[in-house]
Structure formats: structure tokens, C-alpha cells
Amino acid sequence: MQRFCELDHVVVAPVGGDRQSLVSRALVQRGLERRVALRVPYFSTALQIVAESHLVATLPASLVPSTLAVREPPLSIPGFVLQSVWSERYDQNPLHRWLRTLVVQAAVDEHPDQPK
């Protein structure tokens, strides 16, 4: 756990979201804090940075490509729900509806045991 906290971390912090991540909250509950070197708004950005640096990130395993080393974090981290949002003006747009359906189906295919 100590080594985990000493590493330089990339944290995904969506714009307008909570600045304290699930991992940070879990550490604070144990009286610990990790070194955050960089905050980025997207998982894809965090993955790219980790691939090209000495930094580490705690991310959903399903997002990590096989080209990166994966290790279990030394603490239990609660899950979370991803949501998609869009402007109401696109709600009835056929192309937008098609894309939303495609994204939902891809998520269901990837994780069939999760609620829709």
C-alpha cells in the first residue's frame, strides 16, 4: 500500500465532476493519500499518458489495452456507473439515436451481466 501511494498517479477527473476520485476516497478512509502528478478529464487520455511515461493510473480493467501492464490495486475500490448524456434537441435525431443504440449494445455485449 505504501509503494502504491508513493507512485506518481494520473487521475481521471471529468470536467465539472468530483475532484476526489473513488480511489482517493478509499485511501482517505484508511488515512492515506497518493501522489497525484496529473489530472485529466478522460480515460483515453490517462491511458495514453501512462503508455508514454512513468506514471500509473487506476482504471477499469476493461479499458486497458494488452500492451500495458496491469496489477490489482492494493485496496478494494467500489464500482461506478457510466452514463451517456445528450442534448434534448438530438433526442429524435435518427443518426444520433442509431449511435446511442450502437453504444448501448456494445456495452451490453461487453458486460452482459450488468444492468442497462
C-alpha atoms as a PDB file:
ATOM      1  CA  MET A   1       0.000   0.000   0.000  1.00  0.00           C
ATOM      2  CA  GLN A   2       2.819   2.397   0.867  1.00  0.00           C
ATOM      3  CA  ARG A   3       4.508   1.821  -2.513  1.00  0.00           C
ATOM      4  CA  PHE A   4       1.182   2.359  -4.294  1.00  0.00           C
ATOM      5  CA  CYS A   5       0.744   5.736  -2.575  1.00  0.00           C
ATOM      6  CA  GLU A   6       4.334   6.773  -3.391  1.00  0.00           C
ATOM      7  CA  LEU A   7       3.930   6.229  -7.145  1.00  0.00           C
ATOM      8  CA  ASP A   8       3.089   9.205  -9.386  1.00  0.00           C
ATOM      9  CA  HIS A   9      -0.551   8.832 -10.409  1.00  0.00           C
ATOM     10  CA  VAL A  10      -2.661  10.101 -13.295  1.00  0.00           C
ATOM     11  CA  VAL A  11      -6.210  10.658 -12.045  1.00  0.00           C
ATOM     12  CA  VAL A  12      -9.256  10.851 -14.283  1.00  0.00           C
ATOM     13  CA  ALA A  13     -11.325  13.799 -13.064  1.00  0.00           C
ATOM     14  CA  PRO A  14     -14.096  14.738 -15.509  1.00  0.00           C
ATOM     15  CA  VAL A  15     -14.633  18.460 -16.011  1.00  0.00           C
ATOM     16  CA  GLY A  16     -17.285  19.627 -13.580  1.00  0.00           C
ATOM     17  CA  GLY A  17     -17.103  16.355 -11.652  1.00  0.00           C
ATOM     18  CA  ASP A  18     -15.940  15.465  -8.183  1.00  0.00           C
ATOM     19  CA  ARG A  19     -12.207  16.167  -7.858  1.00  0.00           C
ATOM     20  CA  GLN A  20     -11.780  13.333  -5.356  1.00  0.00           C
ATOM     21  CA  SER A  21     -11.823  10.009  -7.180  1.00  0.00           C
ATOM     22  CA  LEU A  22     -13.096   6.678  -5.870  1.00  0.00           C
ATOM     23  CA  VAL A  23      -9.503   5.619  -5.249  1.00  0.00           C
ATOM     24  CA  SER A  24      -8.685   8.806  -3.340  1.00  0.00           C
ATOM     25  CA  ARG A  25     -11.798   8.388  -1.179  1.00  0.00           C
ATOM     26  CA  ALA A  26     -10.883   4.773  -0.404  1.00  0.00           C
ATOM     27  CA  LEU A  27      -7.385   5.861   0.600  1.00  0.00           C
ATOM     28  CA  VAL A  28      -8.637   8.748   2.756  1.00  0.00           C
ATOM     29  CA  GLN A  29     -10.854   6.290   4.653  1.00  0.00           C
ATOM     30  CA  ARG A  30      -7.632   4.471   5.568  1.00  0.00           C
ATOM     31  CA  GLY A  31      -5.824   7.682   6.493  1.00  0.00           C
ATOM     32  CA  LEU A  32      -3.691   7.536   3.334  1.00  0.00           C
ATOM     33  CA  GLU A  33      -3.053   9.783   0.362  1.00  0.00           C
ATOM     34  CA  ARG A  34      -1.443   9.077  -3.001  1.00  0.00           C
ATOM     35  CA  ARG A  35       0.781  11.340  -5.080  1.00  0.00           C
ATOM     36  CA  VAL A  36      -1.284  12.834  -7.881  1.00  0.00           C
ATOM     37  CA  ALA A  37       1.016  14.077 -10.615  1.00  0.00           C
ATOM     38  CA  LEU A  38      -1.662  14.887 -13.172  1.00  0.00           C
ATOM     39  CA  ARG A  39      -5.448  15.148 -13.533  1.00  0.00           C
ATOM     40  CA  VAL A  40      -7.044  14.510 -16.913  1.00  0.00           C
ATOM     41  CA  PRO A  41     -10.709  14.534 -17.983  1.00  0.00           C
ATOM     42  CA  TYR A  42     -10.784  11.261 -19.970  1.00  0.00           C
ATOM     43  CA  PHE A  43      -9.824   7.614 -19.507  1.00  0.00           C
ATOM     44  CA  SER A  44      -8.322   7.586 -23.011  1.00  0.00           C
ATOM     45  CA  THR A  45      -6.016  10.471 -22.115  1.00  0.00           C
ATOM     46  CA  ALA A  46      -4.899   8.716 -18.935  1.00  0.00           C
ATOM     47  CA  LEU A  47      -4.131   5.545 -20.905  1.00  0.00           C
ATOM     48  CA  GLN A  48      -2.044   7.437 -23.442  1.00  0.00           C
ATOM     49  CA  ILE A  49      -0.071   9.228 -20.730  1.00  0.00           C
ATOM     50  CA  VAL A  50       0.579   6.014 -18.809  1.00  0.00           C
ATOM     51  CA  ALA A  51       1.757   4.302 -22.004  1.00  0.00           C
ATOM     52  CA  GLU A  52       4.307   7.060 -22.629  1.00  0.00           C
ATOM     53  CA  SER A  53       5.540   7.865 -19.113  1.00  0.00           C
ATOM     54  CA  HIS A  54       6.482   6.532 -15.691  1.00  0.00           C
ATOM     55  CA  LEU A  55       3.052   7.481 -14.301  1.00  0.00           C
ATOM     56  CA  VAL A  56       0.422   4.962 -13.182  1.00  0.00           C
ATOM     57  CA  ALA A  57      -3.369   5.077 -13.205  1.00  0.00           C
ATOM     58  CA  THR A  58      -6.099   3.076 -11.531  1.00  0.00           C
ATOM     59  CA  LEU A  59      -8.640   2.408 -14.279  1.00  0.00           C
ATOM     60  CA  PRO A  60     -11.350  -0.112 -15.160  1.00  0.00           C
ATOM     61  CA  ALA A  61      -9.532  -3.231 -16.401  1.00  0.00           C
ATOM     62  CA  SER A  62     -11.875  -3.487 -19.383  1.00  0.00           C
ATOM     63  CA  LEU A  63     -10.409  -0.242 -20.777  1.00  0.00           C
ATOM     64  CA  VAL A  64      -6.741  -1.189 -20.540  1.00  0.00           C
ATOM     65  CA  PRO A  65      -5.103  -2.498 -23.729  1.00  0.00           C
ATOM     66  CA  SER A  66      -2.958  -5.636 -23.593  1.00  0.00           C
ATOM     67  CA  THR A  67       0.139  -3.517 -24.305  1.00  0.00           C
ATOM     68  CA  LEU A  68       0.091  -2.100 -20.756  1.00  0.00           C
ATOM     69  CA  ALA A  69       0.983  -3.941 -17.553  1.00  0.00           C
ATOM     70  CA  VAL A  70      -1.994  -4.464 -15.248  1.00  0.00           C
ATOM     71  CA  ARG A  71      -1.797  -5.014 -11.499  1.00  0.00           C
ATOM     72  CA  GLU A  72      -4.558  -5.263  -8.942  1.00  0.00           C
ATOM     73  CA  PRO A  73      -4.630  -2.195  -6.662  1.00  0.00           C
ATOM     74  CA  PRO A  74      -3.800  -2.915  -3.023  1.00  0.00           C
ATOM     75  CA  LEU A  75      -7.257  -1.839  -1.851  1.00  0.00           C
ATOM     76  CA  SER A  76     -10.864  -2.562  -2.639  1.00  0.00           C
ATOM     77  CA  ILE A  77     -12.417   0.057  -4.907  1.00  0.00           C
ATOM     78  CA  PRO A  78     -16.171   0.367  -5.357  1.00  0.00           C
ATOM     79  CA  GLY A  79     -17.622   0.187  -8.847  1.00  0.00           C
ATOM     80  CA  PHE A  80     -19.318   3.020 -10.664  1.00  0.00           C
ATOM     81  CA  VAL A  81     -21.876   3.577 -13.378  1.00  0.00           C
ATOM     82  CA  LEU A  82     -21.094   5.173 -16.714  1.00  0.00           C
ATOM     83  CA  GLN A  83     -23.871   7.287 -18.141  1.00  0.00           C
ATOM     84  CA  SER A  84     -24.370   8.848 -21.521  1.00  0.00           C
ATOM     85  CA  VAL A  85     -25.997  12.235 -21.847  1.00  0.00           C
ATOM     86  CA  TRP A  86     -27.009  14.315 -24.825  1.00  0.00           C
ATOM     87  CA  SER A  87     -28.859  17.463 -25.671  1.00  0.00           C
ATOM     88  CA  GLU A  88     -32.637  17.095 -25.856  1.00  0.00           C
ATOM     89  CA  ARG A  89     -32.566  18.632 -29.330  1.00  0.00           C
ATOM     90  CA  TYR A  90     -30.858  15.442 -30.595  1.00  0.00           C
ATOM     91  CA  ASP A  91     -33.233  13.059 -28.846  1.00  0.00           C
ATOM     92  CA  GLN A  92     -35.263  12.315 -32.001  1.00  0.00           C
ATOM     93  CA  ASN A  93     -32.405  12.690 -34.496  1.00  0.00           C
ATOM     94  CA  PRO A  94     -32.206   9.340 -36.372  1.00  0.00           C
ATOM     95  CA  LEU A  95     -28.426   9.296 -36.663  1.00  0.00           C
ATOM     96  CA  HIS A  96     -27.985  10.240 -33.023  1.00  0.00           C
ATOM     97  CA  ARG A  97     -30.475   7.548 -31.953  1.00  0.00           C
ATOM     98  CA  TRP A  98     -28.626   4.999 -34.077  1.00  0.00           C
ATOM     99  CA  LEU A  99     -25.305   5.906 -32.458  1.00  0.00           C
ATOM    100  CA  ARG A 100     -26.755   5.753 -28.936  1.00  0.00           C
ATOM    101  CA  THR A 101     -28.220   2.334 -29.665  1.00  0.00           C
ATOM    102  CA  LEU A 102     -24.874   1.150 -31.016  1.00  0.00           C
ATOM    103  CA  VAL A 103     -23.018   2.358 -27.915  1.00  0.00           C
ATOM    104  CA  VAL A 104     -25.517   0.735 -25.548  1.00  0.00           C
ATOM    105  CA  GLN A 105     -25.378  -2.553 -27.462  1.00  0.00           C
ATOM    106  CA  ALA A 106     -21.570  -2.544 -27.375  1.00  0.00           C
ATOM    107  CA  ALA A 107     -21.670  -2.041 -23.602  1.00  0.00           C
ATOM    108  CA  VAL A 108     -24.206  -4.843 -23.161  1.00  0.00           C
ATOM    109  CA  ASP A 109     -22.152  -7.182 -25.340  1.00  0.00           C
ATOM    110  CA  GLU A 110     -19.018  -6.383 -23.320  1.00  0.00           C
ATOM    111  CA  HIS A 111     -20.731  -6.737 -19.917  1.00  0.00           C
ATOM    112  CA  PRO A 112     -23.920  -8.816 -20.320  1.00  0.00           C
ATOM    113  CA  ASP A 113     -24.337  -9.268 -16.529  1.00  0.00           C
ATOM    114  CA  GLN A 114     -24.619  -5.514 -15.841  1.00  0.00           C
ATOM    115  CA  PRO A 115     -27.968  -3.688 -15.711  1.00  0.00           C
ATOM    116  CA  LYS A 116     -28.853  -1.479 -18.670  1.00  0.00           C
END
